[in-house]
Amino acid sequence: MIPKQKIALSLSNLFLIGGAAFLLLLLWQLKGLIIILMIAVVISSTLSPLVKSVEDSGIPRWFSVIFVYLMLLLLLTGIGLLLGPTIITQLQRLLEKFPVYIETLSKQIQLFMTDKSFTEPEIINFINQQFNLQSIISWTFKSSQQLLIGVSGLTRGIVGGVLNVFLAILLSGYMLSGSQKLINGIVSLFPTPWNYKLKDQVIPVSQRMGGYIQGRLLVSFILGLAVSLGLKFLGIGEFALGLGTIAGITNLIPFFGPVLGSIPALIVAVAQGGWLFLWVLLLFLIIQNLETYVLDPLLVGSSVNVPPLYQLLAVLSGVQLLGILGALILPPWVAGAGVLLKNLYLIPKLEAEKENS
């Protein structure tokens, strides 16, 4: 007969369980603030090298932070004033002509079916039932609208408002200006020797997180510029800058962004007819291969050093948590966690195994 095992719960264990449950509940209630802090950490990690370079010239730390933020504000304002009106005009014109392009695409598909002798009533009815273009288009627009509404509803109370974005930027400035005191205060909460170990990992983690965002932004800028120039050369100058902007922004999203960014340009190319679709498709294939095999390994891959599967899971989790913004924010945190895992667990584990052997 198997003896019964008794589980003894001491008063201290009950307090620990209750404290852990209370902490989880508190974190859940403060999830909005935690997400803002996560964004602020990513921003501060991205701007840290710029602040450090200004500080090295002899300028006080706090003034270096203000100077960097002002320069970035002026740069973004200048780009917005210079290119913003053209981009907005092209995107508005594209939205106005998009229904016409869809109708033209539908007619071209019907002509293709006729040219291929798909004129039998049974075949046409079958194709119309299985591949009803109008239904597909209606479903696509309805799904996109629901997705945007869902993302907007999810992020409105977290990162969608101007106030929360301002708070994230403000917190990142505070983190940059008082980084040393802040780091010392946080690591002091941990017992020795973990406080020293964690303090040594701050710079590697920050470099890994900031390097990811810097590389992602640079790659997206290069891709958006290349798409704009390529489309203008191919004869779609009417929408070249707007379509290049779409491609650059969507490219910030790993894995799925490049495909999403190519769809509007391909629809415009199909509607205009001729060989333009193939040339535009070839343009995107060349640019995407250049990004995948040259730019990403040089500018992003070396800074992330995370297996593609984990990056994909980070992107999907980020979309579920924060919408489109989460796909950009969560991967650098995964990269930073990879640094901690490697330096605090894997390397000591390998060293201990070598000593034992």
Protein backbone atom coordinates (compact mmCIF):
# COMPACT_ATOMS: atom_id res chain seq x y z
CA MET A 1 0.00 0.00 0.00
CA ILE A 2 1.42 3.36 -1.08
CA PRO A 3 1.76 5.70 1.90
CA LYS A 4 -0.04 9.01 1.64
CA GLN A 5 2.20 12.03 1.26
CA LYS A 6 1.35 15.05 3.33
CA ILE A 7 2.04 18.53 2.00
CA ALA A 8 3.00 20.87 4.77
CA LEU A 9 2.42 24.56 4.22
CA SER A 10 4.19 26.78 6.66
CA LEU A 11 3.11 30.33 7.39
CA SER A 12 6.09 31.71 5.47
CA ASN A 13 5.17 29.66 2.39
CA LEU A 14 1.62 30.98 2.53
CA PHE A 15 2.94 34.52 2.70
CA LEU A 16 5.20 33.85 -0.30
CA ILE A 17 2.33 32.42 -2.37
CA GLY A 18 0.06 35.29 -1.40
CA GLY A 19 2.77 37.84 -2.15
CA ALA A 20 3.45 36.30 -5.56
CA ALA A 21 -0.26 36.33 -6.42
CA PHE A 22 -0.56 39.96 -5.30
CA LEU A 23 2.50 40.91 -7.36
CA LEU A 24 1.08 39.25 -10.49
CA LEU A 25 -2.23 41.03 -9.98
CA LEU A 26 -0.45 44.33 -9.47
CA LEU A 27 1.63 43.85 -12.63
CA TRP A 28 -1.51 43.04 -14.60
CA GLN A 29 -3.19 46.23 -13.38
CA LEU A 30 -0.08 48.23 -14.30
CA LYS A 31 0.41 46.60 -17.71
CA GLY A 32 -0.07 49.90 -19.50
CA LEU A 33 2.70 51.56 -17.51
CA ILE A 34 4.97 48.52 -17.92
CA ILE A 35 4.56 48.66 -21.70
CA ILE A 36 5.40 52.36 -21.70
CA LEU A 37 8.52 51.55 -19.67
CA MET A 38 9.45 48.85 -22.20
CA ILE A 39 9.16 51.36 -25.04
CA ALA A 40 11.16 53.92 -23.07
CA VAL A 41 13.97 51.40 -22.52
CA VAL A 42 14.09 50.62 -26.24
CA ILE A 43 14.21 54.34 -27.12
CA SER A 44 16.95 55.05 -24.58
CA SER A 45 18.98 52.06 -25.78
CA THR A 46 18.67 53.29 -29.37
CA LEU A 47 19.75 56.86 -28.58
CA SER A 48 22.43 55.97 -26.04
CA PRO A 49 25.32 55.89 -28.59
CA LEU A 50 24.38 59.37 -29.86
CA VAL A 51 24.22 60.77 -26.33
CA LYS A 52 27.55 59.12 -25.48
CA SER A 53 29.26 60.65 -28.53
CA VAL A 54 28.01 64.14 -27.61
CA GLU A 55 28.99 63.64 -23.97
CA ASP A 56 32.51 62.59 -24.98
CA SER A 57 33.03 66.07 -26.45
CA GLY A 58 32.91 67.53 -22.94
CA ILE A 59 29.21 68.44 -22.71
CA PRO A 60 27.35 67.47 -19.50
CA ARG A 61 25.22 64.35 -19.69
CA TRP A 62 21.88 66.06 -19.16
CA PHE A 63 22.61 68.69 -21.80
CA SER A 64 23.75 65.98 -24.23
CA VAL A 65 20.37 64.28 -23.87
CA ILE A 66 18.49 67.53 -24.53
CA PHE A 67 20.73 68.30 -27.52
CA VAL A 68 20.18 64.88 -29.11
CA TYR A 69 16.40 65.06 -28.66
CA LEU A 70 16.26 68.58 -30.13
CA MET A 71 18.37 67.58 -33.13
CA LEU A 72 16.15 64.57 -33.81
CA LEU A 73 13.03 66.74 -33.48
CA LEU A 74 14.45 69.26 -35.95
CA LEU A 75 15.46 66.47 -38.33
CA LEU A 76 12.03 64.83 -38.28
CA THR A 77 10.32 68.21 -38.65
CA GLY A 78 12.51 69.07 -41.62
CA ILE A 79 11.84 65.74 -43.33
CA GLY A 80 8.13 66.15 -42.66
CA LEU A 81 8.03 69.65 -44.14
CA LEU A 82 10.16 68.64 -47.13
CA LEU A 83 8.59 65.32 -48.10
CA GLY A 84 5.38 65.17 -46.06
CA PRO A 85 3.11 67.13 -48.44
CA THR A 86 4.25 65.11 -51.46
CA ILE A 87 3.80 61.78 -49.67
CA ILE A 88 0.34 62.74 -48.38
CA THR A 89 -0.76 63.96 -51.82
CA GLN A 90 0.42 60.76 -53.50
CA LEU A 91 -1.25 58.54 -50.90
CA GLN A 92 -4.54 60.46 -51.21
CA ARG A 93 -4.40 60.14 -55.00
CA LEU A 94 -3.63 56.44 -54.65
CA LEU A 95 -6.65 55.90 -52.40
CA GLU A 96 -8.87 57.72 -54.88
CA LYS A 97 -7.69 55.62 -57.83
CA PHE A 98 -7.50 52.31 -55.97
CA PRO A 99 -11.12 51.25 -56.76
CA VAL A 100 -10.39 51.91 -60.45
CA TYR A 101 -7.25 49.76 -60.23
CA ILE A 102 -9.23 46.97 -58.61
CA GLU A 103 -11.85 47.11 -61.36
CA THR A 104 -9.11 47.08 -64.02
CA LEU A 105 -7.54 44.07 -62.32
CA SER A 106 -10.88 42.26 -62.39
CA LYS A 107 -11.28 42.92 -66.12
CA GLN A 108 -7.76 41.70 -66.83
CA ILE A 109 -8.47 38.47 -65.00
CA GLN A 110 -11.61 37.98 -67.10
CA LEU A 111 -9.63 38.64 -70.30
CA PHE A 112 -7.00 36.16 -69.18
CA MET A 113 -9.66 33.51 -68.66
CA THR A 114 -11.08 34.21 -72.12
CA ASP A 115 -7.64 34.05 -73.76
CA LYS A 116 -7.01 30.68 -72.11
CA SER A 117 -10.32 29.36 -73.51
CA PHE A 118 -12.01 29.28 -70.11
CA THR A 119 -15.29 30.09 -71.85
CA GLU A 120 -17.32 27.05 -70.91
CA PRO A 121 -20.24 28.08 -68.66
CA GLU A 122 -19.43 25.34 -66.17
CA ILE A 123 -15.81 26.43 -65.89
CA ILE A 124 -16.72 30.11 -65.57
CA ASN A 125 -19.33 29.37 -62.90
CA PHE A 126 -16.88 27.18 -61.01
CA ILE A 127 -14.18 29.88 -61.11
CA ASN A 128 -16.68 32.56 -60.11
CA GLN A 129 -17.81 30.45 -57.18
CA GLN A 130 -14.34 29.53 -56.02
CA PHE A 131 -12.49 32.74 -56.89
CA ASN A 132 -15.03 35.52 -56.79
CA LEU A 133 -12.80 38.55 -57.07
CA GLN A 134 -15.36 41.00 -55.76
CA SER A 135 -16.03 38.81 -52.73
CA ILE A 136 -12.31 38.43 -52.09
CA ILE A 137 -11.77 42.18 -52.34
CA SER A 138 -14.77 42.88 -50.10
CA TRP A 139 -13.53 40.33 -47.56
CA THR A 140 -10.01 41.80 -47.68
CA PHE A 141 -11.19 45.35 -47.05
CA LYS A 142 -13.58 44.22 -44.30
CA SER A 143 -10.86 42.14 -42.60
CA SER A 144 -8.38 45.00 -42.87
CA GLN A 145 -10.91 47.36 -41.35
CA GLN A 146 -11.63 44.97 -38.49
CA LEU A 147 -7.90 44.46 -37.94
CA LEU A 148 -7.29 48.21 -37.78
CA ILE A 149 -10.22 48.69 -35.43
CA GLY A 150 -9.00 45.83 -33.24
CA VAL A 151 -5.44 47.14 -33.14
CA SER A 152 -6.69 50.65 -32.46
CA GLY A 153 -8.92 49.43 -29.66
CA LEU A 154 -6.10 47.36 -28.18
CA THR A 155 -3.48 50.07 -28.30
CA ARG A 156 -5.60 53.12 -27.61
CA GLY A 157 -5.21 52.79 -23.86
CA ILE A 158 -1.61 51.57 -23.95
CA VAL A 159 0.52 53.24 -26.58
CA GLY A 160 -1.94 54.73 -29.03
CA GLY A 161 -2.46 58.07 -27.30
CA VAL A 162 -0.23 61.09 -27.67
CA LEU A 163 0.14 61.31 -23.89
CA ASN A 164 1.55 57.80 -23.60
CA VAL A 165 3.99 58.35 -26.45
CA PHE A 166 5.09 61.57 -24.77
CA LEU A 167 5.51 59.71 -21.47
CA ALA A 168 7.67 57.06 -23.14
CA ILE A 169 9.91 59.73 -24.68
CA LEU A 170 10.08 61.63 -21.39
CA LEU A 171 10.98 58.49 -19.44
CA SER A 172 13.63 57.57 -22.00
CA GLY A 173 15.19 61.02 -21.56
CA TYR A 174 15.24 60.56 -17.80
CA MET A 175 16.79 57.11 -18.20
CA LEU A 176 19.52 58.54 -20.43
CA SER A 177 20.31 61.53 -18.22
CA GLY A 178 20.37 59.60 -14.94
CA SER A 179 21.31 56.18 -16.26
CA GLN A 180 24.17 55.50 -13.84
CA LYS A 181 22.16 56.31 -10.70
CA LEU A 182 19.19 54.38 -12.04
CA ILE A 183 21.31 51.30 -12.79
CA ASN A 184 23.01 51.42 -9.40
CA GLY A 185 19.66 51.69 -7.67
CA ILE A 186 18.18 48.70 -9.50
CA VAL A 187 21.15 46.34 -9.16
CA SER A 188 21.47 47.20 -5.45
CA LEU A 189 18.22 45.31 -4.90
CA PHE A 190 19.96 42.04 -5.78
CA PRO A 191 22.27 40.14 -3.41
CA THR A 192 26.02 39.84 -3.95
CA PRO A 193 27.46 38.73 -6.37
CA TRP A 194 24.40 39.05 -8.60
CA ASN A 195 24.39 42.83 -8.28
CA TYR A 196 27.85 43.03 -9.86
CA LYS A 197 27.00 40.43 -12.51
CA LEU A 198 23.84 42.26 -13.56
CA LYS A 199 25.61 45.63 -13.62
CA ASP A 200 28.19 44.20 -16.01
CA GLN A 201 25.40 43.15 -18.39
CA VAL A 202 23.74 46.57 -18.69
CA ILE A 203 25.98 47.82 -21.50
CA PRO A 204 25.88 44.57 -23.59
CA VAL A 205 22.08 44.36 -23.25
CA SER A 206 21.65 48.05 -24.16
CA GLN A 207 23.94 47.69 -27.17
CA ARG A 208 22.05 44.63 -28.38
CA MET A 209 18.62 46.26 -28.00
CA GLY A 210 19.66 49.60 -29.47
CA GLY A 211 21.58 47.95 -32.29
CA TYR A 212 18.49 46.08 -33.39
CA ILE A 213 16.36 49.25 -33.70
CA GLN A 214 19.18 51.22 -35.35
CA GLY A 215 19.72 48.47 -37.92
CA ARG A 216 15.99 48.03 -38.55
CA LEU A 217 15.49 51.75 -39.14
CA LEU A 218 18.51 52.00 -41.43
CA VAL A 219 17.50 48.96 -43.50
CA SER A 220 13.93 50.25 -43.84
CA PHE A 221 15.17 53.67 -44.95
CA ILE A 222 17.42 52.13 -47.59
CA LEU A 223 14.63 49.83 -48.82
CA GLY A 224 12.08 52.67 -48.98
CA LEU A 225 14.51 54.85 -50.92
CA ALA A 226 15.38 52.01 -53.31
CA VAL A 227 11.70 51.24 -53.95
CA SER A 228 10.90 54.92 -54.61
CA LEU A 229 13.79 55.31 -57.07
CA GLY A 230 13.05 51.98 -58.75
CA LEU A 231 9.34 52.72 -59.23
CA LYS A 232 10.12 56.18 -60.59
CA PHE A 233 12.55 54.64 -63.08
CA LEU A 234 9.92 52.08 -64.14
CA GLY A 235 7.37 54.81 -64.86
CA ILE A 236 5.25 54.91 -61.68
CA GLY A 237 6.54 58.32 -60.63
CA GLU A 238 3.00 59.42 -59.79
CA PHE A 239 3.03 57.22 -56.65
CA ALA A 240 6.74 56.39 -56.30
CA LEU A 241 7.40 58.29 -53.08
CA GLY A 242 4.14 57.21 -51.45
CA LEU A 243 4.63 53.54 -52.34
CA GLY A 244 8.26 53.72 -51.22
CA THR A 245 7.13 55.16 -47.88
CA ILE A 246 4.63 52.32 -47.45
CA ALA A 247 7.34 49.76 -48.24
CA GLY A 248 9.80 51.39 -45.82
CA ILE A 249 7.33 51.59 -42.93
CA THR A 250 6.00 48.06 -43.35
CA ASN A 251 9.57 46.77 -43.61
CA LEU A 252 10.03 47.71 -39.95
CA ILE A 253 7.95 44.60 -39.24
CA PRO A 254 10.20 41.54 -39.64
CA PHE A 255 9.12 38.61 -41.84
CA PHE A 256 5.69 39.94 -42.88
CA GLY A 257 6.43 43.61 -43.54
CA PRO A 258 8.23 43.27 -46.90
CA VAL A 259 5.35 41.24 -48.39
CA LEU A 260 2.74 43.71 -47.15
CA GLY A 261 4.72 46.64 -48.54
CA SER A 262 4.92 45.16 -52.04
CA ILE A 263 1.19 44.53 -52.49
CA PRO A 264 0.06 48.14 -53.25
CA ALA A 265 2.83 48.64 -55.82
CA LEU A 266 2.02 45.32 -57.53
CA ILE A 267 -1.69 46.19 -57.74
CA VAL A 268 -0.85 49.55 -59.35
CA ALA A 269 1.50 47.80 -61.79
CA VAL A 270 -1.09 45.18 -62.76
CA ALA A 271 -3.74 47.85 -63.34
CA GLN A 272 -1.44 49.81 -65.66
CA GLY A 273 -0.92 46.71 -67.79
CA GLY A 274 1.87 45.55 -70.05
CA TRP A 275 5.10 44.15 -68.68
CA LEU A 276 5.10 46.61 -65.79
CA PHE A 277 3.89 44.03 -63.27
CA LEU A 278 6.81 41.72 -64.01
CA TRP A 279 9.31 44.57 -63.80
CA VAL A 280 7.89 45.75 -60.45
CA LEU A 281 7.84 42.19 -59.15
CA LEU A 282 11.47 41.78 -60.25
CA LEU A 283 12.34 45.06 -58.53
CA PHE A 284 10.89 43.89 -55.21
CA LEU A 285 12.52 40.47 -55.52
CA ILE A 286 15.94 42.05 -56.09
CA ILE A 287 15.52 44.51 -53.21
CA GLN A 288 14.21 41.84 -50.82
CA ASN A 289 17.07 39.48 -51.64
CA LEU A 290 19.52 42.33 -51.14
CA GLU A 291 17.94 43.01 -47.77
CA THR A 292 17.79 39.35 -46.73
CA TYR A 293 21.31 38.33 -47.71
CA VAL A 294 23.26 41.60 -47.41
CA LEU A 295 21.64 44.37 -45.36
CA ASP A 296 19.94 42.32 -42.62
CA PRO A 297 23.00 40.19 -41.81
CA LEU A 298 25.24 43.28 -41.73
CA LEU A 299 22.99 45.81 -40.00
CA VAL A 300 20.45 43.78 -38.02
CA GLY A 301 21.53 40.13 -37.76
CA SER A 302 24.87 40.90 -36.13
CA SER A 303 23.17 43.03 -33.49
CA VAL A 304 20.28 40.66 -32.72
CA ASN A 305 22.03 37.26 -32.75
CA VAL A 306 18.71 35.51 -32.07
CA PRO A 307 17.51 32.42 -34.01
CA PRO A 308 14.86 33.26 -36.65
CA LEU A 309 12.24 31.10 -34.89
CA TYR A 310 12.55 33.15 -31.70
CA GLN A 311 12.40 36.37 -33.71
CA LEU A 312 9.20 35.15 -35.39
CA LEU A 313 7.65 34.24 -32.04
CA ALA A 314 8.64 37.66 -30.70
CA VAL A 315 6.98 39.38 -33.68
CA LEU A 316 3.76 37.35 -33.32
CA SER A 317 3.67 37.96 -29.55
CA GLY A 318 4.30 41.67 -30.10
CA VAL A 319 1.41 41.91 -32.57
CA GLN A 320 -0.91 40.21 -30.08
CA LEU A 321 0.21 42.50 -27.28
CA LEU A 322 0.62 45.90 -28.93
CA GLY A 323 -0.48 45.58 -32.52
CA ILE A 324 1.91 46.72 -35.24
CA LEU A 325 4.11 48.63 -32.78
CA GLY A 326 4.67 45.49 -30.73
CA ALA A 327 6.25 43.75 -33.72
CA LEU A 328 9.02 46.36 -33.54
CA ILE A 329 9.30 46.74 -29.75
CA LEU A 330 9.35 43.13 -28.52
CA PRO A 331 12.19 41.65 -30.69
CA PRO A 332 14.88 43.89 -29.12
CA TRP A 333 13.74 42.72 -25.68
CA VAL A 334 14.13 39.13 -26.82
CA ALA A 335 17.61 40.03 -28.09
CA GLY A 336 18.48 41.59 -24.73
CA ALA A 337 17.18 38.55 -22.87
CA GLY A 338 19.40 36.43 -25.11
CA VAL A 339 22.44 38.36 -23.89
CA LEU A 340 21.53 37.68 -20.25
CA LEU A 341 20.89 34.00 -20.96
CA LYS A 342 24.21 33.62 -22.72
CA ASN A 343 26.43 35.58 -20.31
CA LEU A 344 24.81 34.57 -17.02
CA TYR A 345 23.91 30.93 -17.72
CA LEU A 346 25.30 29.35 -20.88
CA ILE A 347 28.89 30.59 -20.64
CA PRO A 348 29.25 29.78 -16.88
CA LYS A 349 27.64 26.39 -17.56
CA LEU A 350 30.16 25.57 -20.31
CA GLU A 351 33.05 26.74 -18.15
CA ALA A 352 31.87 24.57 -15.24
CA GLU A 353 31.57 21.55 -17.54
CA LYS A 354 35.12 22.08 -18.82
CA GLU A 355 36.46 22.32 -15.29
CA ASN A 356 34.66 19.14 -14.26
CA SER A 357 35.90 17.25 -17.29
